[in-house]
Every structure is written in structure tokens, then in C-alpha cells.
Amino acid sequence: MDALFERTAMLVGQEGIDRLQRAHVAVFGIGGVGGHCTDALARAGVGTLTIVDHDTVSASNLNRQIIAFRSTIGRRKTEVMQERLLDINPALTVHALPVFVDRDTMERFDFSAFDYVVDAVDTVTAKLLLIERCRDAGTPVLSCMGTGNKLMTEPFRIADISETSVCPLARVMRLECRKRGITRLKVLYSPEPPIRPQPGSGGCAPGRRQTPGSIAFAPACAGLTIAGQVIRELLSGCGQ
């Protein structure tokens, strides 16, 4: 057995490792949440990963994103993440797609080919597109709600969208899901009230809404919590 999986096999057994290596997980959004989630999925043994993000690494990502270094600023996030994943596990299959999530680009994806989808994108429109496509394909999806303007990691939890509270993004998503007849949706959210960004702290262009504040550990905790949920579900019925 590859030394990479020796300690994991102690918890999930060889059958679990085999199941994870056969799994194909797609992560949409390789930022603070999606980057940490993707890294954990690879280290846990998922055999095929599709990573989707149109953005490049910027200096403002340095405080929280696992692929953000001075040396990677200006490079495509999918490219940097792919290099990192293959450095962890050269046998991993990685499909790195620098694609913006919209109605046209969604036609490029066969959602039935994924065993699980992680939604770590930022906009309500993109989230709803992903959720609808997963519903139509019968593919499990876990959608990340707001992690910006948060300082606490303990409240992060997995729940159905109907059980969420406080989170402004979850409130909008509940309404939009009801409009589309989506009655069930697994999400990660936090009931911690959002912190109002400090006055004069920057991050807000004239005429645009305030960019959320962020810190190293909150999105990382969210991403790892999502990865844990995905791994446990992939292993469900495998003696766990």
C-alpha cells in the first residue's frame, strides 16, 4: 500500500481506500473553502477530482487560501491546485478547468459522471445552477453558505437548507430553492451573526457592496468539514 494511505486505512480499511480511489468528486470554486476541501479529498484518497474555477491567485488571497503564495500570484487557481494535488498523489486523476460557472458553461459537464459535487462558488446564481444540475442528474451535492465575516469555527455545521438560521446567504438560498421546487439541500453554514467589517478597512469599490472580511481559519475549517462529510458519505455502507 502507498504510504500516503497507510494511516487512513487504519480507520477505513482497504475496502474504504478502494472505494475512495474509485470515486470522482467535483469541486466548483477553488478559494478559501474549496481549496482546503480539495486538498483534504486528495489526501483522504479520492481517486479522481474535477476542479473548476475561472479566477487567478491574487495578493488578497494570501490570508486564507491554501494555494496562495507570493510565487503563485497571477496564476490560474486550477493550475496551481492541480500541481499541488499531483505533488501529494501522482496517481491522482485531476481535471482542471478554468471555467466560469454560468448557464452556457454548465453544458460542458456531465453531472451524472460525478459521485459527489461540492459547491464552493460565491454567487447565488452559480450556486442555483449547480444545485439544479445535480438534482436533475441525481448527484449528491453539498453547498457552502457564507463563511465571510466570521471569526468562530465551532458553529460550522452540516444541515438541510430548511434548518439554517442567521446566515444571510442561506436565507436567500432558502427562498430561491423554494421557487425552484428544491425541497432538500445539504449545506454547510454557521449561525454565528456576521461581523460588520471595520470602517475604512478597504475592499469596497465605489458603488459596490462591501467585500466580506476573512481570516485564515474560518474558510479552512468550513472546507475541511465539507470534505469530511463527503468522505463519510462516499464510505457509507463500507463497514464504517
Protein backbone atom coordinates (compact mmCIF):
# COMPACT_ATOMS: atom_id res chain seq x y z
CA MET A 1 0.00 0.00 0.00
CA ASP A 2 1.13 3.53 -0.79
CA ALA A 3 2.44 5.15 2.40
CA LEU A 4 0.07 8.06 1.69
CA PHE A 5 -2.89 5.90 2.67
CA GLU A 6 -1.42 3.74 5.48
CA ARG A 7 -2.81 5.83 8.35
CA THR A 8 -6.16 6.37 6.60
CA ALA A 9 -6.53 2.61 6.05
CA MET A 10 -6.27 2.13 9.80
CA LEU A 11 -9.59 3.98 10.06
CA VAL A 12 -11.45 2.92 6.91
CA GLY A 13 -9.80 -0.36 5.91
CA GLN A 14 -8.61 -1.44 2.49
CA GLU A 15 -12.19 -1.64 1.24
CA GLY A 16 -12.66 2.01 2.17
CA ILE A 17 -9.46 3.04 0.42
CA ASP A 18 -10.52 1.14 -2.68
CA ARG A 19 -13.92 2.81 -2.67
CA LEU A 20 -12.43 6.29 -2.33
CA GLN A 21 -9.94 5.65 -5.13
CA ARG A 22 -12.83 4.74 -7.43
CA ALA A 23 -14.73 7.93 -6.55
CA HIS A 24 -14.97 11.03 -8.72
CA VAL A 25 -15.68 14.28 -6.88
CA ALA A 26 -16.12 17.70 -8.50
CA VAL A 27 -15.29 20.88 -6.57
CA PHE A 28 -16.60 24.13 -8.02
CA GLY A 29 -14.72 27.10 -6.58
CA ILE A 30 -11.09 26.71 -5.50
CA GLY A 31 -10.92 29.54 -2.99
CA GLY A 32 -10.61 29.54 0.78
CA VAL A 33 -13.25 26.85 1.27
CA GLY A 34 -12.89 24.87 -1.95
CA GLY A 35 -9.10 24.80 -1.87
CA HIS A 36 -8.89 23.28 1.62
CA CYS A 37 -11.71 20.88 0.77
CA THR A 38 -9.99 19.69 -2.41
CA ASP A 39 -6.66 19.21 -0.64
CA ALA A 40 -8.33 17.06 2.04
CA LEU A 41 -10.22 14.97 -0.51
CA ALA A 42 -6.96 14.18 -2.30
CA ARG A 43 -5.13 13.29 0.92
CA ALA A 44 -8.02 11.07 2.01
CA GLY A 45 -7.74 9.02 -1.17
CA VAL A 46 -10.37 10.22 -3.67
CA GLY A 47 -9.08 8.94 -6.99
CA THR A 48 -10.48 11.47 -9.46
CA LEU A 49 -11.06 15.17 -8.87
CA THR A 50 -12.57 17.73 -11.20
CA ILE A 51 -11.69 21.26 -10.07
CA VAL A 52 -13.42 24.27 -11.58
CA ASP A 53 -12.56 27.96 -11.12
CA HIS A 54 -12.01 30.76 -13.64
CA ASP A 55 -10.02 33.01 -11.28
CA THR A 56 -6.33 33.67 -10.73
CA VAL A 57 -4.49 33.90 -7.43
CA SER A 58 -4.32 37.45 -6.07
CA ALA A 59 -2.50 39.09 -3.17
CA SER A 60 -5.77 39.37 -1.26
CA ASN A 61 -5.98 35.56 -1.22
CA LEU A 62 -2.80 35.19 0.85
CA ASN A 63 -4.58 35.38 4.19
CA ARG A 64 -6.72 32.27 3.72
CA GLN A 65 -6.29 30.27 0.50
CA ILE A 66 -4.20 27.10 0.53
CA ILE A 67 -2.78 27.74 -2.95
CA ALA A 68 -1.96 31.41 -2.37
CA PHE A 69 1.76 32.24 -2.12
CA ARG A 70 3.78 35.18 -3.35
CA SER A 71 5.09 32.83 -6.02
CA THR A 72 1.61 31.89 -7.30
CA ILE A 73 0.07 35.36 -7.59
CA GLY A 74 -1.31 35.87 -11.11
CA ARG A 75 -1.50 32.15 -11.93
CA ARG A 76 -4.73 30.28 -12.56
CA LYS A 77 -6.09 28.72 -9.39
CA THR A 78 -6.93 25.46 -11.14
CA GLU A 79 -3.39 25.15 -12.47
CA VAL A 80 -1.78 25.78 -9.08
CA MET A 81 -4.20 23.41 -7.35
CA GLN A 82 -3.57 20.67 -9.90
CA GLU A 83 0.18 20.90 -9.33
CA ARG A 84 -0.33 20.72 -5.58
CA LEU A 85 -2.63 17.70 -5.80
CA LEU A 86 -0.29 15.75 -8.07
CA ASP A 87 2.60 16.53 -5.74
CA ILE A 88 0.56 14.88 -2.97
CA ASN A 89 -0.55 11.91 -5.07
CA PRO A 90 0.98 11.48 -8.56
CA ALA A 91 -1.52 8.69 -9.28
CA LEU A 92 -4.47 11.06 -8.83
CA THR A 93 -6.54 11.95 -11.89
CA VAL A 94 -7.19 15.71 -11.93
CA HIS A 95 -9.38 17.52 -14.44
CA ALA A 96 -8.52 21.22 -14.01
CA LEU A 97 -10.99 23.51 -15.75
CA PRO A 98 -10.58 27.32 -15.65
CA VAL A 99 -14.28 27.85 -16.31
CA PHE A 100 -16.73 30.48 -15.08
CA VAL A 101 -19.95 28.88 -13.83
CA ASP A 102 -22.90 30.07 -15.90
CA ARG A 103 -25.74 28.51 -17.88
CA ASP A 104 -23.65 28.10 -21.04
CA THR A 105 -20.59 26.53 -19.42
CA MET A 106 -22.71 24.10 -17.40
CA GLU A 107 -23.48 22.32 -20.66
CA ARG A 108 -19.85 21.14 -20.67
CA PHE A 109 -20.36 18.96 -17.61
CA ASP A 110 -21.95 15.55 -17.30
CA PHE A 111 -23.08 15.73 -13.69
CA SER A 112 -24.11 12.08 -13.71
CA ALA A 113 -20.39 11.22 -14.02
CA PHE A 114 -19.67 12.64 -10.55
CA ASP A 115 -20.15 10.68 -7.35
CA TYR A 116 -20.36 13.94 -5.41
CA VAL A 117 -20.30 17.68 -6.11
CA VAL A 118 -19.05 20.38 -3.76
CA ASP A 119 -20.43 23.85 -4.38
CA ALA A 120 -17.92 26.39 -3.07
CA VAL A 121 -18.69 29.18 -5.52
CA ASP A 122 -19.57 32.71 -4.39
CA THR A 123 -22.69 33.79 -6.24
CA VAL A 124 -26.31 32.78 -5.74
CA THR A 125 -26.85 32.42 -9.49
CA ALA A 126 -23.96 29.96 -9.89
CA LYS A 127 -24.97 28.01 -6.80
CA LEU A 128 -28.51 27.56 -8.05
CA LEU A 129 -27.28 26.39 -11.44
CA LEU A 130 -25.07 23.75 -9.83
CA ILE A 131 -27.78 22.60 -7.46
CA GLU A 132 -30.35 22.30 -10.26
CA ARG A 133 -27.96 20.32 -12.45
CA CYS A 134 -27.13 17.96 -9.59
CA ARG A 135 -30.81 17.48 -8.82
CA ASP A 136 -31.56 16.66 -12.45
CA ALA A 137 -28.64 14.19 -12.59
CA GLY A 138 -29.41 12.60 -9.22
CA THR A 139 -25.92 13.51 -7.97
CA PRO A 140 -25.32 14.37 -4.30
CA VAL A 141 -24.28 18.00 -3.74
CA LEU A 142 -23.13 19.88 -0.66
CA SER A 143 -23.42 23.66 -0.91
CA CYS A 144 -21.33 26.03 1.19
CA MET A 145 -23.13 29.03 2.64
CA GLY A 146 -21.40 32.17 3.91
CA THR A 147 -18.01 31.90 5.61
CA GLY A 148 -17.02 35.56 5.27
CA ASN A 149 -17.28 37.97 8.21
CA LYS A 150 -16.89 35.02 10.62
CA LEU A 151 -14.41 34.55 13.47
CA MET A 152 -15.80 31.41 15.11
CA THR A 153 -15.17 27.91 13.76
CA GLU A 154 -17.16 25.92 16.34
CA PRO A 155 -20.62 26.85 14.95
CA PHE A 156 -19.96 25.50 11.43
CA ARG A 157 -22.32 22.61 10.82
CA ILE A 158 -23.89 20.46 8.12
CA ALA A 159 -27.67 20.75 7.85
CA ASP A 160 -30.54 20.85 5.40
CA ILE A 161 -31.17 24.33 3.99
CA SER A 162 -34.57 24.33 5.75
CA GLU A 163 -32.81 24.12 9.13
CA THR A 164 -30.49 27.10 8.64
CA SER A 165 -30.74 30.36 10.53
CA VAL A 166 -28.95 33.73 10.82
CA CYS A 167 -26.76 33.25 7.71
CA PRO A 168 -27.81 35.88 5.11
CA LEU A 169 -26.76 33.73 2.15
CA ALA A 170 -28.70 30.75 3.48
CA ARG A 171 -31.78 32.96 3.82
CA VAL A 172 -31.60 33.92 0.14
CA MET A 173 -30.88 30.36 -0.92
CA ARG A 174 -33.88 29.00 1.02
CA LEU A 175 -36.17 31.39 -0.84
CA GLU A 176 -34.67 30.68 -4.27
CA CYS A 177 -34.71 26.92 -3.73
CA ARG A 178 -38.40 27.04 -2.82
CA LYS A 179 -39.12 28.95 -6.03
CA ARG A 180 -37.45 26.14 -7.99
CA GLY A 181 -39.13 23.29 -6.17
CA ILE A 182 -35.89 22.23 -4.47
CA THR A 183 -37.12 20.82 -1.18
CA ARG A 184 -33.90 19.27 0.12
CA LEU A 185 -30.36 20.64 0.02
CA LYS A 186 -27.42 19.73 2.20
CA VAL A 187 -25.38 22.78 3.18
CA LEU A 188 -22.59 23.90 5.43
CA TYR A 189 -23.47 27.05 7.35
CA SER A 190 -22.78 28.91 10.57
CA PRO A 191 -25.39 30.52 12.84
CA GLU A 192 -22.75 32.99 14.05
CA PRO A 193 -24.02 36.51 13.30
CA PRO A 194 -21.82 38.11 10.62
CA ILE A 195 -19.31 40.65 11.88
CA ARG A 196 -19.64 44.09 10.33
CA PRO A 197 -16.34 44.97 8.57
CA GLN A 198 -14.36 47.73 10.23
CA PRO A 199 -14.95 51.21 8.77
CA GLY A 200 -12.26 52.23 6.33
CA SER A 201 -10.89 48.70 6.13
CA GLY A 202 -10.96 48.69 2.31
CA GLY A 203 -12.23 46.01 0.00
CA CYS A 204 -15.21 48.03 -1.23
CA ALA A 205 -15.18 49.68 -4.63
CA PRO A 206 -17.35 52.79 -5.07
CA GLY A 207 -20.96 51.85 -5.73
CA ARG A 208 -20.48 48.19 -4.84
CA ARG A 209 -21.32 46.17 -1.75
CA GLN A 210 -18.73 45.70 0.97
CA THR A 211 -16.36 42.79 0.32
CA PRO A 212 -16.66 40.32 3.23
CA GLY A 213 -13.85 40.19 5.74
CA SER A 214 -12.00 36.89 6.09
CA ILE A 215 -9.40 35.18 8.24
CA ALA A 216 -7.17 32.13 7.80
CA PHE A 217 -9.03 29.55 9.87
CA ALA A 218 -12.75 30.08 9.16
CA PRO A 219 -12.90 29.08 5.46
CA ALA A 220 -10.29 26.37 6.11
CA CYS A 221 -12.47 24.87 8.83
CA ALA A 222 -15.50 25.03 6.55
CA GLY A 223 -13.64 23.32 3.70
CA LEU A 224 -12.35 20.54 5.92
CA THR A 225 -15.80 19.99 7.42
CA ILE A 226 -17.27 19.63 3.94
CA ALA A 227 -14.52 17.22 2.91
CA GLY A 228 -15.20 15.11 5.99
CA GLN A 229 -18.91 14.91 5.18
CA VAL A 230 -18.21 13.94 1.56
CA ILE A 231 -15.71 11.24 2.56
CA ARG A 232 -18.07 9.75 5.15
CA GLU A 233 -20.90 9.61 2.62
CA LEU A 234 -18.68 8.01 -0.01
CA LEU A 235 -17.73 5.40 2.58
CA SER A 236 -21.32 4.83 3.69
CA GLY A 237 -22.10 1.12 3.72
CA CYS A 238 -18.42 0.29 3.66
CA GLY A 239 -18.21 -1.02 7.22
CA GLN A 240 -17.92 2.45 8.72
